[in-house]
Amino acid sequence: MIRHVVLFTWTEDATGEQKAEVAARLNTLPGIIPQIRSYAVGPDAGLNPGNHEFAVVADFDSVEDYLAYRDHPVHQAIIAEHIKPILASRAAVQFGV
């Protein structure tokens, strides 16, 4: 199994509406991309200073399934239209579990 973890920090001018739209759009992906085994997205709980502001954790049965998700046109459109316009920084990792 492959676990994909992404952390985002938003620009200072990102609005609450824009941030909520990112979560809403990302949450549609499990119904669109059948290769997603499990999927969780959400804002940081605010427990520690200096954390990223938003996380995505997704599990896939294989590298090929992850690549299908990564390259899926709906996923790519969400990145281009909703994430990149408000993105200050991003960190990501994919690892076997």
N, C-alpha and C. Protein backbone atom coordinates (compact mmCIF):
# COMPACT_ATOMS: atom_id res chain seq x y z
N MET A 1 0.85 -1.18 0.00
CA MET A 1 0.00 0.00 0.00
C MET A 1 0.89 1.24 0.00
N ILE A 2 0.44 2.27 -0.68
CA ILE A 2 1.14 3.56 -0.75
C ILE A 2 0.31 4.60 -0.02
N ARG A 3 0.94 5.32 0.89
CA ARG A 3 0.28 6.44 1.57
C ARG A 3 0.87 7.73 1.02
N HIS A 4 -0.01 8.65 0.68
CA HIS A 4 0.33 9.96 0.12
C HIS A 4 -0.08 11.01 1.14
N VAL A 5 0.87 11.82 1.59
CA VAL A 5 0.59 12.87 2.57
C VAL A 5 1.04 14.20 1.98
N VAL A 6 0.13 15.17 1.98
CA VAL A 6 0.44 16.51 1.48
C VAL A 6 0.05 17.53 2.54
N LEU A 7 0.91 18.50 2.75
CA LEU A 7 0.65 19.58 3.70
C LEU A 7 0.72 20.91 2.95
N PHE A 8 -0.27 21.76 3.20
CA PHE A 8 -0.33 23.06 2.55
C PHE A 8 -0.28 24.18 3.59
N THR A 9 0.33 25.29 3.21
CA THR A 9 0.19 26.56 3.92
C THR A 9 -0.36 27.54 2.90
N TRP A 10 -1.37 28.29 3.31
CA TRP A 10 -2.05 29.20 2.40
C TRP A 10 -1.42 30.59 2.42
N THR A 11 -1.66 31.34 1.38
CA THR A 11 -1.21 32.73 1.32
C THR A 11 -1.96 33.53 2.37
N GLU A 12 -1.40 34.65 2.77
CA GLU A 12 -2.04 35.49 3.78
C GLU A 12 -3.38 36.03 3.32
N ASP A 13 -3.55 36.21 2.01
CA ASP A 13 -4.80 36.77 1.52
C ASP A 13 -5.84 35.71 1.15
N ALA A 14 -5.55 34.43 1.41
CA ALA A 14 -6.52 33.37 1.14
C ALA A 14 -7.72 33.56 2.05
N THR A 15 -8.90 33.47 1.49
CA THR A 15 -10.12 33.68 2.28
C THR A 15 -10.62 32.35 2.86
N GLY A 16 -11.44 32.46 3.86
CA GLY A 16 -12.07 31.27 4.43
C GLY A 16 -12.89 30.52 3.39
N GLU A 17 -13.54 31.26 2.51
CA GLU A 17 -14.35 30.64 1.45
C GLU A 17 -13.45 29.85 0.50
N GLN A 18 -12.30 30.40 0.13
CA GLN A 18 -11.38 29.68 -0.76
C GLN A 18 -10.86 28.41 -0.10
N LYS A 19 -10.51 28.49 1.16
CA LYS A 19 -10.01 27.32 1.88
C LYS A 19 -11.09 26.24 1.98
N ALA A 20 -12.31 26.64 2.27
CA ALA A 20 -13.42 25.69 2.34
C ALA A 20 -13.68 25.05 0.98
N GLU A 21 -13.52 25.82 -0.08
CA GLU A 21 -13.73 25.29 -1.42
C GLU A 21 -12.69 24.23 -1.77
N VAL A 22 -11.45 24.43 -1.34
CA VAL A 22 -10.42 23.40 -1.55
C VAL A 22 -10.85 22.10 -0.90
N ALA A 23 -11.26 22.16 0.36
CA ALA A 23 -11.68 20.95 1.07
C ALA A 23 -12.88 20.31 0.38
N ALA A 24 -13.86 21.11 -0.01
CA ALA A 24 -15.05 20.57 -0.65
C ALA A 24 -14.70 19.88 -1.97
N ARG A 25 -13.87 20.52 -2.76
CA ARG A 25 -13.49 19.93 -4.05
C ARG A 25 -12.68 18.65 -3.86
N LEU A 26 -11.71 18.68 -2.95
CA LEU A 26 -10.91 17.48 -2.72
C LEU A 26 -11.77 16.33 -2.22
N ASN A 27 -12.77 16.62 -1.40
CA ASN A 27 -13.64 15.58 -0.86
C ASN A 27 -14.52 14.91 -1.92
N THR A 28 -14.59 15.48 -3.11
CA THR A 28 -15.34 14.83 -4.19
C THR A 28 -14.52 13.72 -4.85
N LEU A 29 -13.20 13.74 -4.68
CA LEU A 29 -12.34 12.83 -5.43
C LEU A 29 -12.57 11.35 -5.15
N PRO A 30 -12.84 10.92 -3.92
CA PRO A 30 -13.09 9.48 -3.73
C PRO A 30 -14.27 8.94 -4.55
N GLY A 31 -15.23 9.77 -4.86
CA GLY A 31 -16.35 9.35 -5.67
C GLY A 31 -16.07 9.38 -7.16
N ILE A 32 -14.95 9.98 -7.53
CA ILE A 32 -14.58 10.14 -8.93
C ILE A 32 -13.43 9.22 -9.33
N ILE A 33 -12.49 9.02 -8.43
CA ILE A 33 -11.28 8.25 -8.72
C ILE A 33 -11.34 6.93 -7.95
N PRO A 34 -11.67 5.82 -8.62
CA PRO A 34 -11.88 4.55 -7.91
C PRO A 34 -10.61 3.97 -7.29
N GLN A 35 -9.45 4.42 -7.68
CA GLN A 35 -8.20 3.88 -7.13
C GLN A 35 -7.92 4.35 -5.70
N ILE A 36 -8.66 5.34 -5.23
CA ILE A 36 -8.46 5.83 -3.86
C ILE A 36 -9.03 4.80 -2.89
N ARG A 37 -8.17 4.29 -2.00
CA ARG A 37 -8.59 3.31 -0.99
C ARG A 37 -9.15 4.00 0.25
N SER A 38 -8.48 5.04 0.72
CA SER A 38 -9.00 5.87 1.82
C SER A 38 -8.51 7.29 1.61
N TYR A 39 -9.25 8.25 2.16
CA TYR A 39 -8.96 9.66 1.85
C TYR A 39 -9.44 10.52 3.00
N ALA A 40 -8.57 11.39 3.48
CA ALA A 40 -8.94 12.33 4.54
C ALA A 40 -8.28 13.67 4.25
N VAL A 41 -9.05 14.73 4.38
CA VAL A 41 -8.53 16.08 4.20
C VAL A 41 -9.05 16.95 5.33
N GLY A 42 -8.30 18.00 5.67
CA GLY A 42 -8.82 18.92 6.67
C GLY A 42 -7.80 19.93 7.12
N PRO A 43 -8.29 20.98 7.77
CA PRO A 43 -7.42 22.03 8.29
C PRO A 43 -6.70 21.57 9.56
N ASP A 44 -5.57 22.17 9.81
CA ASP A 44 -4.81 21.91 11.02
C ASP A 44 -5.67 22.26 12.24
N ALA A 45 -5.54 21.49 13.30
CA ALA A 45 -6.32 21.71 14.52
C ALA A 45 -5.82 22.90 15.33
N GLY A 46 -4.68 23.47 14.96
CA GLY A 46 -4.18 24.65 15.65
C GLY A 46 -3.57 24.38 17.00
N LEU A 47 -3.09 23.16 17.23
CA LEU A 47 -2.55 22.81 18.53
C LEU A 47 -1.10 23.25 18.73
N ASN A 48 -0.35 23.37 17.63
CA ASN A 48 1.06 23.75 17.71
C ASN A 48 1.37 24.86 16.72
N PRO A 49 2.12 25.86 17.16
CA PRO A 49 2.50 26.93 16.24
C PRO A 49 3.46 26.41 15.17
N GLY A 50 3.41 27.02 14.01
CA GLY A 50 4.34 26.67 12.95
C GLY A 50 3.91 25.52 12.06
N ASN A 51 2.76 24.89 12.36
CA ASN A 51 2.29 23.80 11.52
C ASN A 51 1.82 24.32 10.17
N HIS A 52 1.78 23.42 9.20
CA HIS A 52 1.09 23.72 7.96
C HIS A 52 -0.38 23.88 8.29
N GLU A 53 -1.15 24.46 7.36
CA GLU A 53 -2.54 24.79 7.64
C GLU A 53 -3.56 23.75 7.20
N PHE A 54 -3.16 22.83 6.32
CA PHE A 54 -4.13 21.90 5.73
C PHE A 54 -3.40 20.63 5.35
N ALA A 55 -4.09 19.49 5.48
CA ALA A 55 -3.47 18.20 5.14
C ALA A 55 -4.38 17.35 4.29
N VAL A 56 -3.74 16.53 3.45
CA VAL A 56 -4.41 15.48 2.68
C VAL A 56 -3.66 14.19 2.96
N VAL A 57 -4.38 13.14 3.32
CA VAL A 57 -3.79 11.81 3.50
C VAL A 57 -4.63 10.84 2.68
N ALA A 58 -3.95 10.15 1.75
CA ALA A 58 -4.66 9.23 0.87
C ALA A 58 -3.89 7.92 0.79
N ASP A 59 -4.62 6.82 0.74
CA ASP A 59 -4.02 5.49 0.61
C ASP A 59 -4.43 4.86 -0.71
N PHE A 60 -3.48 4.11 -1.27
CA PHE A 60 -3.67 3.44 -2.56
C PHE A 60 -3.10 2.04 -2.46
N ASP A 61 -3.67 1.11 -3.20
CA ASP A 61 -3.20 -0.27 -3.17
C ASP A 61 -1.85 -0.45 -3.86
N SER A 62 -1.51 0.44 -4.79
CA SER A 62 -0.27 0.28 -5.55
C SER A 62 0.24 1.63 -6.03
N VAL A 63 1.47 1.63 -6.49
CA VAL A 63 2.06 2.83 -7.09
C VAL A 63 1.23 3.26 -8.29
N GLU A 64 0.79 2.29 -9.08
CA GLU A 64 -0.01 2.60 -10.27
C GLU A 64 -1.32 3.30 -9.89
N ASP A 65 -1.93 2.86 -8.80
CA ASP A 65 -3.16 3.51 -8.35
C ASP A 65 -2.88 4.94 -7.90
N TYR A 66 -1.78 5.14 -7.19
CA TYR A 66 -1.40 6.51 -6.80
C TYR A 66 -1.19 7.38 -8.04
N LEU A 67 -0.48 6.86 -9.02
CA LEU A 67 -0.21 7.63 -10.24
C LEU A 67 -1.50 7.97 -10.98
N ALA A 68 -2.47 7.06 -10.98
CA ALA A 68 -3.76 7.34 -11.60
C ALA A 68 -4.44 8.52 -10.91
N TYR A 69 -4.37 8.56 -9.58
CA TYR A 69 -4.91 9.69 -8.80
C TYR A 69 -4.13 10.96 -9.10
N ARG A 70 -2.82 10.87 -9.00
CA ARG A 70 -1.97 12.05 -9.21
C ARG A 70 -2.25 12.72 -10.55
N ASP A 71 -2.41 11.92 -11.58
CA ASP A 71 -2.54 12.44 -12.93
C ASP A 71 -3.99 12.62 -13.39
N HIS A 72 -4.94 12.25 -12.57
CA HIS A 72 -6.35 12.33 -12.98
C HIS A 72 -6.72 13.78 -13.32
N PRO A 73 -7.41 14.01 -14.43
CA PRO A 73 -7.71 15.38 -14.85
C PRO A 73 -8.56 16.18 -13.85
N VAL A 74 -9.45 15.54 -13.13
CA VAL A 74 -10.24 16.28 -12.14
C VAL A 74 -9.34 16.72 -10.98
N HIS A 75 -8.47 15.84 -10.52
CA HIS A 75 -7.52 16.18 -9.47
C HIS A 75 -6.62 17.33 -9.92
N GLN A 76 -6.10 17.23 -11.13
CA GLN A 76 -5.23 18.28 -11.66
C GLN A 76 -5.97 19.61 -11.80
N ALA A 77 -7.23 19.58 -12.17
CA ALA A 77 -8.02 20.81 -12.28
C ALA A 77 -8.23 21.46 -10.91
N ILE A 78 -8.47 20.65 -9.88
CA ILE A 78 -8.62 21.20 -8.53
C ILE A 78 -7.33 21.88 -8.09
N ILE A 79 -6.21 21.26 -8.37
CA ILE A 79 -4.91 21.86 -8.03
C ILE A 79 -4.76 23.19 -8.74
N ALA A 80 -4.98 23.20 -10.04
CA ALA A 80 -4.76 24.40 -10.85
C ALA A 80 -5.73 25.53 -10.50
N GLU A 81 -6.99 25.19 -10.30
CA GLU A 81 -8.03 26.21 -10.14
C GLU A 81 -8.28 26.65 -8.71
N HIS A 82 -8.01 25.77 -7.72
CA HIS A 82 -8.38 26.08 -6.35
C HIS A 82 -7.22 26.10 -5.35
N ILE A 83 -6.22 25.25 -5.58
CA ILE A 83 -5.10 25.17 -4.63
C ILE A 83 -4.01 26.17 -5.00
N LYS A 84 -3.49 26.10 -6.21
CA LYS A 84 -2.36 26.96 -6.59
C LYS A 84 -2.62 28.45 -6.40
N PRO A 85 -3.84 28.95 -6.66
CA PRO A 85 -4.05 30.39 -6.47
C PRO A 85 -3.88 30.88 -5.03
N ILE A 86 -3.99 29.98 -4.05
CA ILE A 86 -3.86 30.42 -2.65
C ILE A 86 -2.71 29.70 -1.93
N LEU A 87 -1.85 29.03 -2.67
CA LEU A 87 -0.79 28.22 -2.07
C LEU A 87 0.46 29.03 -1.77
N ALA A 88 0.88 29.02 -0.51
CA ALA A 88 2.14 29.64 -0.12
C ALA A 88 3.26 28.61 -0.09
N SER A 89 2.97 27.40 0.45
CA SER A 89 3.98 26.35 0.48
C SER A 89 3.30 24.99 0.53
N ARG A 90 4.07 23.99 0.11
CA ARG A 90 3.57 22.62 0.03
C ARG A 90 4.68 21.67 0.42
N ALA A 91 4.34 20.63 1.15
CA ALA A 91 5.26 19.54 1.44
C ALA A 91 4.51 18.24 1.15
N ALA A 92 5.20 17.25 0.62
CA ALA A 92 4.53 15.99 0.30
C ALA A 92 5.49 14.82 0.45
N VAL A 93 4.90 13.66 0.70
CA VAL A 93 5.66 12.42 0.78
C VAL A 93 4.73 11.27 0.38
N GLN A 94 5.31 10.27 -0.27
CA GLN A 94 4.61 9.04 -0.55
C GLN A 94 5.48 7.93 0.03
N PHE A 95 4.86 7.02 0.79
CA PHE A 95 5.64 5.94 1.40
C PHE A 95 4.82 4.69 1.48
N GLY A 96 5.49 3.57 1.57
CA GLY A 96 4.82 2.28 1.69
C GLY A 96 4.42 1.99 3.11
N VAL A 97 3.23 1.45 3.28
CA VAL A 97 2.74 1.04 4.60
C VAL A 97 2.32 -0.40 4.58
